[in-house]
Protein backbone atom coordinates (compact mmCIF):
# COMPACT_ATOMS: atom_id res chain seq x y z
CA UNK A 1 -63.97 -2.54 145.28
CA UNK A 2 -63.02 0.87 146.32
CA UNK A 3 -62.96 3.73 143.98
CA UNK A 4 -59.13 3.90 143.87
CA UNK A 5 -58.82 0.32 142.75
CA UNK A 6 -61.60 0.73 140.26
CA UNK A 7 -59.74 3.73 138.79
CA UNK A 8 -56.49 1.81 138.34
CA UNK A 9 -58.31 -1.03 136.60
CA UNK A 10 -60.09 1.31 134.30
CA UNK A 11 -56.84 3.11 133.45
CA UNK A 12 -55.00 -0.17 132.84
CA UNK A 13 -57.78 -1.45 130.65
CA UNK A 14 -57.65 1.75 128.64
CA UNK A 15 -53.88 1.45 128.15
CA UNK A 16 -54.24 -2.18 127.06
CA UNK A 17 -56.90 -1.31 124.55
CA UNK A 18 -54.78 1.50 123.14
CA UNK A 19 -51.69 -0.80 122.98
CA UNK A 20 -53.73 -3.46 121.26
CA UNK A 21 -55.14 -1.00 118.80
CA UNK A 22 -51.62 0.18 117.91
CA UNK A 23 -49.57 -3.00 118.19
CA UNK A 24 -51.84 -5.51 116.54
CA UNK A 25 -52.10 -3.61 113.23
CA UNK A 26 -48.33 -2.99 113.29
CA UNK A 27 -47.62 -6.65 113.84
CA UNK A 28 -50.05 -7.55 111.13
CA UNK A 29 -48.38 -5.00 108.78
CA UNK A 30 -44.92 -6.28 109.54
CA UNK A 31 -46.04 -9.82 109.07
CA UNK A 32 -47.31 -8.93 105.61
CA UNK A 33 -44.10 -7.08 104.50
CA UNK A 34 -41.51 -9.50 105.82
CA UNK A 35 -41.71 -11.80 102.80
CA UNK A 36 -41.33 -8.79 100.58
CA UNK A 37 -38.22 -7.66 102.49
CA UNK A 38 -36.75 -11.10 102.30
CA UNK A 39 -37.45 -11.29 98.60
CA UNK A 40 -35.77 -7.92 98.10
CA UNK A 41 -32.73 -9.09 99.97
CA UNK A 42 -32.60 -12.26 97.94
CA UNK A 43 -32.96 -10.27 94.72
CA UNK A 44 -30.12 -7.95 95.76
CA UNK A 45 -27.95 -10.94 96.55
CA UNK A 46 -28.72 -12.39 93.12
CA UNK A 47 -27.84 -9.09 91.50
CA UNK A 48 -24.61 -8.89 93.43
CA UNK A 49 -23.76 -12.44 92.45
CA UNK A 50 -24.66 -11.69 88.84
CA UNK A 51 -22.51 -8.54 88.89
CA UNK A 52 -19.63 -10.49 90.31
CA UNK A 53 -20.04 -13.14 87.61
CA UNK A 54 -20.20 -10.44 84.91
CA UNK A 55 -17.20 -8.65 86.37
CA UNK A 56 -15.31 -11.90 86.69
CA UNK A 57 -16.21 -12.87 83.14
CA UNK A 58 -15.20 -9.44 81.85
CA UNK A 59 -11.83 -9.69 83.58
CA UNK A 60 -11.35 -13.25 82.34
CA UNK A 61 -12.21 -12.34 78.75
CA UNK A 62 -10.52 -8.89 78.71
CA UNK A 63 -8.14 -8.16 75.84
CA UNK A 64 -5.86 -6.53 78.39
CA UNK A 65 -3.76 -8.46 80.86
CA UNK A 66 -5.02 -8.05 84.44
CA UNK A 67 -3.07 -8.62 87.64
CA UNK A 68 -4.60 -8.31 91.11
CA UNK A 69 -2.13 -8.10 93.96
CA UNK A 70 -2.46 -7.47 97.67
CA UNK A 71 -1.13 -4.35 99.34
CA UNK A 72 2.32 -5.97 99.64
CA UNK A 73 2.44 -6.60 95.88
CA UNK A 74 1.94 -10.36 96.10
CA UNK A 75 -0.09 -11.52 93.10
CA UNK A 76 -3.47 -13.03 93.93
CA UNK A 77 -4.86 -13.34 90.42
CA UNK A 78 -3.93 -13.04 86.72
CA UNK A 79 -6.35 -13.37 83.82
CA UNK A 80 -5.83 -15.52 80.67
CA UNK A 81 -4.82 -12.54 78.55
CA UNK A 82 -1.91 -11.90 80.90
CA UNK A 83 -0.61 -15.41 80.23
CA UNK A 84 -1.02 -14.89 76.47
CA UNK A 85 0.93 -11.62 76.55
CA UNK A 86 3.75 -12.67 78.86
CA UNK A 87 3.89 -16.43 78.44
CA UNK A 88 3.74 -16.87 82.22
CA UNK A 89 1.00 -19.23 83.48
CA UNK A 90 -1.27 -18.55 86.44
CA UNK A 91 0.82 -20.90 88.58
CA UNK A 92 3.99 -19.00 87.54
CA UNK A 93 2.53 -15.69 88.64
CA UNK A 94 0.24 -16.21 91.66
CA UNK A 95 2.06 -15.97 94.95
CA UNK A 96 4.98 -14.03 93.51
CA UNK A 97 5.64 -10.33 94.01
CA UNK A 98 4.91 -8.17 90.96
CA UNK A 99 8.37 -6.76 90.15
CA UNK A 100 6.89 -3.65 88.60
CA UNK A 101 5.55 -2.55 91.98
CA UNK A 102 9.07 -2.48 93.45
CA UNK A 103 10.63 -0.46 90.58
CA UNK A 104 11.25 2.94 92.11
CA UNK A 105 12.79 4.43 88.94
CA UNK A 106 9.63 4.27 86.83
CA UNK A 107 7.62 7.49 86.54
CA UNK A 108 4.56 8.52 84.55
CA UNK A 109 4.20 11.46 82.15
CA UNK A 110 3.92 13.80 85.15
CA UNK A 111 7.17 12.44 86.64
CA UNK A 112 5.27 10.81 89.53
CA UNK A 113 6.58 7.46 90.76
CA UNK A 114 4.30 4.46 91.23
CA UNK A 115 4.83 4.50 95.01
CA UNK A 116 3.85 8.18 95.19
CA UNK A 117 0.66 7.50 93.24
CA UNK A 118 -0.33 4.60 95.50
CA UNK A 119 0.17 6.76 98.58
CA UNK A 120 -2.06 9.40 97.05
CA UNK A 121 -4.67 6.77 96.12
CA UNK A 122 -4.40 7.81 92.45
CA UNK A 123 -4.15 5.76 89.26
CA UNK A 124 -0.78 5.63 87.49
CA UNK A 125 0.20 4.89 83.88
CA UNK A 126 3.47 4.35 82.01
CA UNK A 127 5.00 2.82 78.86
CA UNK A 128 7.90 0.41 79.18
CA UNK A 129 9.80 -2.47 77.62
CA UNK A 130 9.25 -5.82 79.33
CA UNK A 131 10.32 -9.39 78.70
CA UNK A 132 8.20 -12.42 77.95
CA UNK A 133 8.93 -15.81 79.50
CA UNK A 134 10.76 -16.88 76.32
CA UNK A 135 13.11 -13.90 76.61
CA UNK A 136 11.48 -11.84 73.84
CA UNK A 137 11.19 -8.13 74.59
CA UNK A 138 7.96 -6.25 73.97
CA UNK A 139 6.45 -2.83 74.60
CA UNK A 140 3.64 -2.60 77.15
CA UNK A 141 1.33 0.08 78.45
CA UNK A 142 0.71 -0.39 82.18
CA UNK A 143 -2.09 1.19 84.24
CA UNK A 144 -2.01 0.70 88.03
CA UNK A 145 -5.08 1.40 90.21
CA UNK A 146 -5.16 1.23 94.04
CA UNK A 147 -8.13 -0.42 95.86
CA UNK A 148 -8.80 0.89 99.40
CA UNK A 149 -10.84 -0.77 102.17
CA UNK A 150 -13.70 0.83 104.12
CA UNK A 151 -11.21 2.59 106.37
CA UNK A 152 -9.31 4.07 103.43
CA UNK A 153 -6.29 1.82 103.76
CA UNK A 154 -4.67 0.21 100.69
CA UNK A 155 -6.19 -3.22 100.27
CA UNK A 156 -5.33 -4.41 96.75
CA UNK A 157 -3.60 -3.21 93.61
CA UNK A 158 -4.95 -3.80 90.10
CA UNK A 159 -2.53 -3.73 87.15
CA UNK A 160 -3.83 -3.50 83.60
CA UNK A 161 -1.34 -4.46 80.85
CA UNK A 162 -1.62 -3.92 77.07
CA UNK A 163 0.85 -5.21 74.47
CA UNK A 164 1.53 -2.15 72.27
CA UNK A 165 4.49 -3.55 70.33
CA UNK A 166 2.67 -3.30 66.97
CA UNK A 167 1.61 0.26 67.73
CA UNK A 168 5.17 1.24 68.68
CA UNK A 169 6.54 -0.43 65.54
CA UNK A 170 4.03 1.38 63.35
CA UNK A 171 4.88 4.67 65.02
CA UNK A 172 8.59 3.98 64.56
CA UNK A 173 8.02 3.30 60.85
CA UNK A 174 6.04 6.51 60.49
CA UNK A 175 8.79 8.46 62.24
CA UNK A 176 11.35 6.83 59.99
CA UNK A 177 9.41 7.91 56.92
CA UNK A 178 9.04 11.41 58.34
CA UNK A 179 12.61 11.90 59.55
CA UNK A 180 14.85 9.51 57.60
CA UNK A 181 15.83 9.13 53.97
CA UNK A 182 14.21 5.89 52.71
CA UNK A 183 17.06 5.14 50.30
CA UNK A 184 20.18 5.55 52.45
CA UNK A 185 18.70 5.42 55.96
CA UNK A 186 20.39 8.72 56.80
CA UNK A 187 18.57 11.53 58.53
CA UNK A 188 16.62 13.74 56.15
CA UNK A 189 16.59 17.52 55.85
CA UNK A 190 13.80 17.94 58.41
CA UNK A 191 15.51 15.96 61.15
CA UNK A 192 18.94 17.37 60.35
CA UNK A 193 17.63 20.90 60.76
CA UNK A 194 16.29 19.92 64.19
CA UNK A 195 19.66 18.36 65.11
CA UNK A 196 21.40 21.54 64.03
CA UNK A 197 19.15 23.64 66.26
CA UNK A 198 19.82 21.27 69.17
CA UNK A 199 23.54 21.48 68.51
CA UNK A 200 23.44 25.27 68.67
CA UNK A 201 21.59 25.15 72.00
CA UNK A 202 24.20 22.75 73.35
CA UNK A 203 26.98 24.98 72.02
CA UNK A 204 25.64 27.92 74.02
CA UNK A 205 26.08 25.86 77.18
CA UNK A 206 29.28 23.99 76.39
CA UNK A 207 31.05 26.79 74.48
CA UNK A 208 32.61 24.10 72.26
CA UNK A 209 32.57 24.89 68.53
CA UNK A 210 30.92 22.72 65.92
CA UNK A 211 31.27 22.48 62.15
CA UNK A 212 28.73 22.00 59.37
CA UNK A 213 29.87 20.35 56.15
CA UNK A 214 27.82 20.60 52.95
CA UNK A 215 28.76 17.97 50.37
CA UNK A 216 27.73 17.61 46.73
CA UNK A 217 28.85 14.80 44.41
CA UNK A 218 30.65 15.86 41.23
CA UNK A 219 29.15 14.69 37.93
CA UNK A 220 26.54 12.53 39.65
CA UNK A 221 23.94 13.41 37.03
CA UNK A 222 26.16 12.06 34.26
CA UNK A 223 26.51 8.71 36.06
CA UNK A 224 22.81 8.61 36.89
CA UNK A 225 21.73 9.37 33.32
CA UNK A 226 24.31 7.11 31.69
CA UNK A 227 24.00 4.01 33.89
CA UNK A 228 20.39 4.45 35.04
CA UNK A 229 18.63 5.39 38.27
CA UNK A 230 19.20 1.99 39.89
CA UNK A 231 22.94 2.46 39.53
CA UNK A 232 22.57 5.98 40.85
CA UNK A 233 20.75 4.67 43.93
CA UNK A 234 23.48 2.09 44.50
CA UNK A 235 26.07 4.83 44.29
CA UNK A 236 24.25 7.02 46.81
CA UNK A 237 23.94 4.15 49.29
CA UNK A 238 27.65 3.41 49.03
CA UNK A 239 28.52 7.08 49.45
CA UNK A 240 26.27 7.25 52.53
CA UNK A 241 28.08 4.31 54.13
CA UNK A 242 31.50 5.76 53.37
CA UNK A 243 30.48 9.07 54.91
CA UNK A 244 29.37 7.28 58.09
CA UNK A 245 32.73 5.51 58.23
CA UNK A 246 34.57 8.83 58.04
CA UNK A 247 33.00 10.40 61.15
CA UNK A 248 32.56 9.62 64.84
CA UNK A 249 29.51 7.80 66.14
CA UNK A 250 28.14 10.98 67.74
CA UNK A 251 28.47 12.97 64.50
CA UNK A 252 25.40 13.36 62.30
CA UNK A 253 25.24 12.52 58.59
CA UNK A 254 22.15 13.45 56.58
CA UNK A 255 21.00 13.35 52.98
CA UNK A 256 19.17 16.52 52.00
CA UNK A 257 18.04 15.13 48.65
CA UNK A 258 19.53 14.15 45.31
CA UNK A 259 23.32 13.96 45.70
CA UNK A 260 23.52 16.54 48.52
CA UNK A 261 24.70 15.47 51.98
CA UNK A 262 25.39 17.33 55.21
CA UNK A 263 27.54 16.42 58.19
CA UNK A 264 27.40 17.96 61.66
CA UNK A 265 30.58 17.70 63.72
CA UNK A 266 29.86 18.62 67.34
CA UNK A 267 32.37 19.41 70.09
CA UNK A 268 35.39 19.96 67.85
CA UNK A 269 38.51 21.50 69.33
CA UNK A 270 39.25 23.81 66.38
CA UNK A 271 38.04 24.54 62.82
CA UNK A 272 40.99 22.52 61.53
CA UNK A 273 39.24 19.36 62.73
CA UNK A 274 36.59 19.87 60.06
CA UNK A 275 39.31 20.09 57.42
CA UNK A 276 40.77 16.78 58.57
CA UNK A 277 37.37 15.12 58.21
CA UNK A 278 36.87 16.72 54.79
CA UNK A 279 40.22 15.35 53.57
CA UNK A 280 39.28 11.92 54.90
CA UNK A 281 35.97 12.07 52.97
CA UNK A 282 37.69 13.14 49.73
CA UNK A 283 40.11 10.19 50.01
CA UNK A 284 37.29 7.77 50.82
CA UNK A 285 35.03 8.79 47.95
CA UNK A 286 37.74 8.82 45.29
CA UNK A 287 38.16 5.06 45.74
CA UNK A 288 36.38 3.15 42.92
CA UNK A 289 32.82 2.03 43.67
CA UNK A 290 31.67 -1.34 42.34
CA UNK A 291 28.07 -1.13 41.14
CA UNK A 292 25.98 -3.97 39.73
CA UNK A 293 26.69 -2.91 36.16
CA UNK A 294 30.23 -1.56 36.34
CA UNK A 295 32.84 0.18 38.48
CA UNK A 296 32.72 3.96 38.75
CA UNK A 297 34.74 6.68 40.43
CA UNK A 298 33.12 9.73 41.98
CA UNK A 299 34.46 12.83 43.69
CA UNK A 300 32.80 15.54 45.72
CA UNK A 301 32.96 19.23 46.61
CA UNK A 302 32.67 20.20 50.28
CA UNK A 303 31.80 23.50 51.91
CA UNK A 304 32.58 24.06 55.60
CA UNK A 305 31.21 26.59 58.06
CA UNK A 306 31.96 26.79 61.78
CA UNK A 307 29.82 27.91 64.71
CA UNK A 308 29.98 30.18 66.63
CA UNK A 309 32.68 31.83 64.51
CA UNK A 310 30.57 32.19 61.35
CA UNK A 311 27.10 32.34 62.90
CA UNK A 312 24.80 31.00 65.59
CA UNK A 313 21.79 30.88 63.27
CA UNK A 314 20.88 27.55 61.65
CA UNK A 315 19.63 29.08 58.39
CA UNK A 316 22.73 31.24 58.05
CA UNK A 317 25.01 28.27 58.68
CA UNK A 318 23.23 26.19 56.03
CA UNK A 319 23.60 29.04 53.54
CA UNK A 320 27.26 29.55 54.47
CA UNK A 321 28.11 25.90 53.92
CA UNK A 322 26.26 25.95 50.60
CA UNK A 323 28.21 29.01 49.43
CA UNK A 324 31.49 27.41 50.45
CA UNK A 325 30.56 24.24 48.57
CA UNK A 326 29.95 26.21 45.36
CA UNK A 327 33.30 27.90 45.84
CA UNK A 328 34.84 24.42 46.02
CA UNK A 329 33.17 23.53 42.71
CA UNK A 330 34.48 26.76 41.16
CA UNK A 331 37.98 25.80 42.32
CA UNK A 332 37.91 22.67 40.20
CA UNK A 333 35.86 20.27 42.33
CA UNK A 334 37.17 17.37 44.45
CA UNK A 335 38.23 19.81 47.18
CA UNK A 336 36.86 21.61 50.22
CA UNK A 337 36.56 25.28 51.09
CA UNK A 338 35.87 27.11 54.34
CA UNK A 339 33.24 29.83 54.36
CA UNK A 340 34.60 33.39 54.28
CA UNK A 341 32.85 36.75 54.51
CA UNK A 342 33.64 37.61 50.90
CA UNK A 343 31.41 34.72 49.85
CA UNK A 344 28.49 36.60 51.34
CA UNK A 345 29.44 39.67 49.36
CA UNK A 346 29.67 37.61 46.18
CA UNK A 347 26.33 35.97 46.98
CA UNK A 348 24.60 39.32 47.42
CA UNK A 349 26.16 40.60 44.19
CA UNK A 350 25.04 37.48 42.39
CA UNK A 351 21.52 37.82 43.77
CA UNK A 352 21.41 41.43 42.60
CA UNK A 353 22.67 40.41 39.16
CA UNK A 354 20.06 37.65 38.99
CA UNK A 355 17.26 40.12 39.75
CA UNK A 356 18.57 42.51 37.10
CA UNK A 357 18.86 39.62 34.64
CA UNK A 358 15.18 38.79 35.12
CA UNK A 359 14.29 42.37 34.28
CA UNK A 360 16.63 42.28 31.27
CA UNK A 361 14.94 39.11 29.98
CA UNK A 362 11.55 40.77 30.35
CA UNK A 363 12.77 43.86 28.46
CA UNK A 364 14.90 41.84 26.00
CA UNK A 365 17.95 43.96 26.83
CA UNK A 366 20.30 41.76 24.80
CA UNK A 367 22.20 42.35 21.61
CA UNK A 368 23.89 39.85 19.32
CA UNK A 369 27.44 40.34 18.11
CA UNK A 370 28.76 38.46 15.11
CA UNK A 371 32.18 36.90 14.53
CA UNK A 372 32.88 35.96 10.92
CA UNK A 373 34.01 32.49 9.86
CA UNK A 374 36.48 32.54 6.97
CA UNK A 375 36.68 30.04 4.13
CA UNK A 376 40.42 30.10 3.51
CA UNK A 377 40.17 28.25 0.18
CA UNK A 378 37.61 30.61 -1.33
CA UNK A 379 38.98 33.65 0.48
CA UNK A 380 35.58 34.75 1.66
CA UNK A 381 33.26 35.05 4.67
CA UNK A 382 31.20 31.87 4.74
CA UNK A 383 29.28 32.41 7.96
CA UNK A 384 29.07 33.98 11.40
CA UNK A 385 28.83 32.84 14.99
CA UNK A 386 26.20 34.71 17.00
CA UNK A 387 27.45 35.81 20.45
CA UNK A 388 25.13 37.41 22.97
CA UNK A 389 25.87 40.54 25.02
CA UNK A 390 23.78 42.09 27.79
CA UNK A 391 23.12 45.76 27.19
CA UNK A 392 23.10 47.19 30.73
CA UNK A 393 22.13 50.79 31.37
CA UNK A 394 24.74 51.28 34.13
CA UNK A 395 27.75 49.30 32.89
CA UNK A 396 27.14 49.51 29.15
CA UNK A 397 27.69 45.88 28.03
CA UNK A 398 28.05 42.77 30.20
CA UNK A 399 29.92 39.82 28.72
CA UNK A 400 28.29 36.37 28.61
CA UNK A 401 30.88 34.95 31.02
CA UNK A 402 29.22 36.93 33.82
CA UNK A 403 25.55 36.22 33.21
CA UNK A 404 25.27 32.99 31.20
CA UNK A 405 26.10 30.74 34.22
CA UNK A 406 23.40 32.51 36.25
CA UNK A 407 20.94 32.26 33.39
CA UNK A 408 21.73 28.57 33.09
CA UNK A 409 21.20 27.89 36.81
CA UNK A 410 17.96 29.86 37.03
CA UNK A 411 16.47 28.58 33.79
CA UNK A 412 16.42 32.09 32.27
CA UNK A 413 18.72 30.75 29.56
CA UNK A 414 15.62 29.37 27.81
CA UNK A 415 14.28 32.89 27.21
CA UNK A 416 17.73 34.36 26.53
CA UNK A 417 18.45 31.62 24.01
CA UNK A 418 15.25 32.32 22.11
CA UNK A 419 16.01 36.06 22.03
CA UNK A 420 19.49 35.38 20.60
CA UNK A 421 18.21 32.90 18.03
CA UNK A 422 15.53 35.31 16.84
CA UNK A 423 17.92 38.27 16.53
CA UNK A 424 20.52 36.15 14.70
CA UNK A 425 17.96 34.81 12.23
CA UNK A 426 16.54 38.29 11.60
CA UNK A 427 20.03 39.69 10.93
CA UNK A 428 20.96 36.98 8.44
CA UNK A 429 17.55 37.27 6.77
CA UNK A 430 18.12 41.04 6.36
CA UNK A 431 21.54 40.33 4.79
CA UNK A 432 19.94 37.85 2.39
CA UNK A 433 17.41 40.42 1.39
CA UNK A 434 20.35 42.72 0.59
CA UNK A 435 21.81 40.07 -1.74
CA UNK A 436 24.19 38.10 0.50
CA UNK A 437 22.86 34.57 0.09
CA UNK A 438 25.80 32.22 0.71
CA UNK A 439 26.51 32.70 4.43
CA UNK A 440 25.30 30.79 7.49
CA UNK A 441 24.62 31.81 11.09
CA UNK A 442 25.75 29.62 14.01
CA UNK A 443 23.93 29.87 17.34
CA UNK A 444 25.08 28.14 20.54
CA UNK A 445 22.69 26.00 22.57
CA UNK A 446 23.29 25.70 26.31
CA UNK A 447 22.91 22.47 28.26
CA UNK A 448 19.64 23.70 29.79
CA UNK A 449 18.25 24.60 26.36
CA UNK A 450 19.26 21.24 24.94
CA UNK A 451 17.30 19.46 27.70
CA UNK A 452 14.25 21.66 27.21
CA UNK A 453 11.41 19.60 25.77
CA UNK A 454 10.18 22.59 23.75
CA UNK A 455 13.53 23.16 21.98
CA UNK A 456 12.56 21.75 18.57
CA UNK A 457 9.22 23.52 18.64
CA UNK A 458 10.93 26.82 19.56
CA UNK A 459 13.46 26.54 16.68
CA UNK A 460 10.69 25.75 14.21
CA UNK A 461 8.66 28.74 15.43
CA UNK A 462 11.57 31.21 15.20
CA UNK A 463 12.47 30.07 11.70
CA UNK A 464 8.85 30.52 10.65
CA UNK A 465 8.53 33.97 12.26
CA UNK A 466 11.80 35.32 10.83
CA UNK A 467 11.42 33.74 7.40
CA UNK A 468 14.94 32.25 7.43
CA UNK A 469 15.33 28.98 5.54
CA UNK A 470 16.53 26.18 7.88
CA UNK A 471 19.63 25.32 5.80
CA UNK A 472 21.23 28.65 6.72
CA UNK A 473 20.98 28.02 10.46
CA UNK A 474 23.64 26.07 12.34
CA UNK A 475 23.14 25.02 15.97
CA UNK A 476 26.24 24.43 18.11
CA UNK A 477 26.27 22.02 21.05
CA UNK A 478 29.15 20.92 23.27
CA UNK A 479 30.52 17.42 23.46
CA UNK A 480 29.72 17.11 27.19
CA UNK A 481 26.05 17.92 26.50
CA UNK A 482 25.87 14.91 24.19
CA UNK A 483 27.45 12.54 26.68
CA UNK A 484 25.06 13.37 29.53
CA UNK A 485 22.54 11.09 27.83
CA UNK A 486 23.71 9.88 24.44
CA UNK A 487 20.46 8.17 23.42
CA UNK A 488 18.38 11.21 24.26
CA UNK A 489 20.93 13.44 22.49
CA UNK A 490 20.69 11.39 19.30
CA UNK A 491 16.89 11.66 19.42
CA UNK A 492 16.93 15.45 19.87
CA UNK A 493 19.56 15.99 17.18
CA UNK A 494 17.56 13.84 14.77
CA UNK A 495 14.49 16.01 15.32
CA UNK A 496 16.53 19.17 14.74
CA UNK A 497 18.06 17.71 11.59
CA UNK A 498 14.57 16.89 10.38
CA UNK A 499 13.87 20.64 10.43
CA UNK A 500 16.71 21.12 7.94
CA UNK A 501 19.22 22.89 10.21
CA UNK A 502 22.92 21.96 10.49
CA UNK A 503 24.51 20.65 13.69
CA UNK A 504 28.03 21.44 14.90
CA UNK A 505 29.88 20.04 17.91
CA UNK A 506 31.60 22.92 19.68
CA UNK A 507 34.80 22.59 21.79
CA UNK A 508 35.42 19.17 20.30
CA UNK A 509 38.04 17.08 22.10
CA UNK A 510 37.59 18.71 25.52
CA UNK A 511 34.67 16.62 26.78
CA UNK A 512 34.25 12.91 27.46
CA UNK A 513 35.35 10.43 24.87
CA UNK A 514 32.55 10.44 22.32
CA UNK A 515 34.52 9.05 19.38
CA UNK A 516 32.65 5.74 19.55
CA UNK A 517 29.35 7.60 19.26
CA UNK A 518 30.40 10.08 16.60
CA UNK A 519 29.27 7.89 13.71
CA UNK A 520 25.79 7.67 15.30
CA UNK A 521 25.39 11.40 15.79
CA UNK A 522 23.62 13.35 13.02
CA UNK A 523 26.21 16.16 12.94
CA UNK A 524 27.68 18.18 10.09
CA UNK A 525 30.65 20.00 11.55
CA UNK A 526 33.33 19.78 14.26
CA UNK A 527 34.88 22.85 15.87
CA UNK A 528 38.44 22.45 17.14
CA UNK A 529 38.59 24.05 20.59
CA UNK A 530 40.63 27.22 21.09
CA UNK A 531 42.65 25.51 23.86
CA UNK A 532 44.27 23.33 21.18
CA UNK A 533 44.59 26.10 18.61
CA UNK A 534 46.29 28.50 21.04
CA UNK A 535 49.30 26.18 21.37
CA UNK A 536 49.79 25.63 17.64
CA UNK A 537 52.18 24.99 16.05
CA UNK A 538 54.71 24.75 18.89
CA UNK A 539 53.12 22.08 21.09
CA UNK A 540 53.64 18.53 19.75
CA UNK A 541 50.77 17.28 21.89
CA UNK A 542 48.27 19.83 20.62
CA UNK A 543 49.42 19.53 17.00
CA UNK A 544 48.86 15.76 17.25
CA UNK A 545 45.35 16.22 18.70
CA UNK A 546 44.41 18.86 16.14
CA UNK A 547 45.64 16.89 13.12
CA UNK A 548 43.87 13.78 14.44
CA UNK A 549 40.56 15.66 14.75
CA UNK A 550 40.95 17.06 11.22
CA UNK A 551 41.80 13.66 9.76
CA UNK A 552 38.90 11.98 11.55
CA UNK A 553 36.44 14.62 10.37
CA UNK A 554 37.61 14.22 6.78
CA UNK A 555 37.13 10.46 6.98
CA UNK A 556 33.61 11.00 8.31
CA UNK A 557 32.92 13.64 5.64
CA UNK A 558 32.44 16.38 8.24
CA UNK A 559 33.51 20.00 7.96
CA UNK A 560 36.08 21.29 10.45
CA UNK A 561 36.20 24.80 11.92
CA UNK A 562 39.07 26.06 14.07
CA UNK A 563 38.11 28.76 16.56
CA UNK A 564 40.36 31.06 18.53
CA UNK A 565 42.81 31.66 15.67
CA UNK A 566 44.94 34.67 16.65
CA UNK A 567 48.26 34.36 14.78
CA UNK A 568 49.45 33.81 11.24
CA UNK A 569 51.44 30.66 12.20
CA UNK A 570 48.27 29.15 13.65
CA UNK A 571 46.33 29.94 10.46
CA UNK A 572 49.11 28.55 8.26
CA UNK A 573 49.37 25.31 10.21
CA UNK A 574 45.61 24.73 10.07
CA UNK A 575 45.26 25.42 6.33
CA UNK A 576 48.29 23.23 5.59
CA UNK A 577 46.45 20.38 7.32
CA UNK A 578 43.19 20.98 5.37
CA UNK A 579 41.28 22.80 8.09
CA UNK A 580 39.94 25.50 5.81
CA UNK A 581 37.34 27.32 7.91
CA UNK A 582 38.89 29.58 10.55
CA UNK A 583 37.47 31.93 13.16
CA UNK A 584 39.25 34.22 15.57
CA UNK A 585 40.74 37.60 16.45
CA UNK A 586 43.27 37.30 13.62
CA UNK A 587 40.44 38.10 11.25
CA UNK A 588 37.84 39.94 13.29
CA UNK A 589 36.60 40.46 16.83
CA UNK A 590 32.88 39.91 17.44
CA UNK A 591 31.08 43.08 16.32
CA UNK A 592 27.55 44.43 16.54
CA UNK A 593 25.19 44.37 13.59
CA UNK A 594 25.77 48.11 13.10
CA UNK A 595 29.56 47.65 12.84
CA UNK A 596 29.39 44.52 10.72
CA UNK A 597 29.28 46.24 7.27
CA UNK A 598 32.59 48.05 7.81
CA UNK A 599 34.27 44.89 9.04
CA UNK A 600 33.01 42.89 6.09
CA UNK A 601 34.33 45.52 3.70
CA UNK A 602 37.77 45.43 5.33
CA UNK A 603 37.94 41.65 5.31
CA UNK A 604 36.70 41.18 1.76
CA UNK A 605 39.26 43.74 0.57
CA UNK A 606 41.97 41.83 2.38
CA UNK A 607 41.06 38.47 0.89
CA UNK A 608 40.43 39.43 -2.70
CA UNK A 609 41.76 42.41 -4.63
CA UNK A 610 40.06 41.35 -7.87
CA UNK A 611 36.58 41.43 -6.36
CA UNK A 612 34.33 44.34 -5.46
CA UNK A 613 35.85 46.32 -2.58
CA UNK A 614 32.76 46.07 -0.40
CA UNK A 615 29.65 44.10 0.28
CA UNK A 616 26.42 45.84 1.17
CA UNK A 617 25.06 44.80 4.54
CA UNK A 618 21.62 45.66 5.88
CA UNK A 619 20.81 45.38 9.58
CA UNK A 620 17.34 44.65 10.84
């Protein structure tokens, strides 16, 4: 063997050895790991199968309906919950095209259509009304998710459906509680204010005027107190329906609270349109209303304001309509009034007067004037009526006609009434100390005072503080105050009578018919109203009413006082018919405590020439 051949063999042997040394261990290593690799693959397959089973079970048992469709929208699968929600079985659904996928009008909260979302490969969600197999409608929340293949192309579409009907119903009920009046079903103040703001925005674009009507029922409190709150609720519901019937479908009717309603008339052609609606409402409401207990008749007062003529501000419009409504009440009720600029002026003046009145109450800037009551049989002064005046630093004295209504509305009448009662009791007590012991003092109670739960306690306290015996104090109430709530009135009057004070009914014959209750009322005196006295003795009607009141009082053993006596014929007629206590300008105007002594001297001299020419009077 030559050297060349020997070299090749040696080299080949070396390569074989090296290959064997490398390959054999590798083969042995691979042979040892192959079972492990196979086991891993089997384990992964089991895991995948388990995941698929879990996923399949989750989809099957999901509380949401699941639809799987191919890229063309043909349904491949629906889960059991889908059939429960919709009523459609698996056989009904599979193989059909999911109609939702072909609805191009549906958009999500971002205004993206379902088709646009699928093209973008994004999920999509919306809320919609659908129909079950039995025809019943329900609310559903739908989520759509695209499934792409390995190349990024749309492969399948998964739809997730939830029945949210209960949630929507609950939300609707909550909104109803938040925005609607639970009694009448009308919009409430909160929603109406929002509608008004929307109407103003629309008006800016359309340039068509709109009108706001503010409506308040007349004498609703009397009906509510007399017949009960259930009857009052019935009345309000009937009124609400009649108001709806008086306006167009697009008009808005709301209840602000109590017996206050508002109406928004949009797109009117002229302000006169609002007047036509107001007249229609007045006619509708004046028709008798049959309640469960009895039939009643109610009227209303309506204030009207127009935008943009009066304002383009919602708050200003609400205030304007309110002012116009109060003007309607001042004009006798059961009518309507348009807002005018002078109402604003009056409102500002009233607000200023109210602020000054609060200061006056704090400073007790009130004085009491006294008007004598004359006993025509004895020819003497038998008592006085206390009449309040406001001592104002700029206008000297303000009459009660100007400030008493404001005091009544604001509740300041409670403090004013106590100031008057105290001053009146102090004055009479000072006169008693001076030797005048046979005269009474009459003090008027307002409606607000009469309803005040602390009234009896206040009267008791003032009597105690001033030292005046209760039998010399007479409290005057009006007939209408009694009829607001007759049972409550009897209870309050009984408590006052228990103190020892006398009770008189003022302006008798001008209120509601209380003759049937008169025998139940613990009263001592009736005062014939000046409206009857002023027409005596020429008016047959007023003479008949006056003589009837006198005769009735005598039968009930009550004293009778005629107020507003200004002429000798009036005085003669009244005394001829046994009304022996008279009060009025014929004898004396109301005078201050300082001027009272001179007036008493003049009057006593006039009535009796055989008595002392004067009576001493001491002021507190």
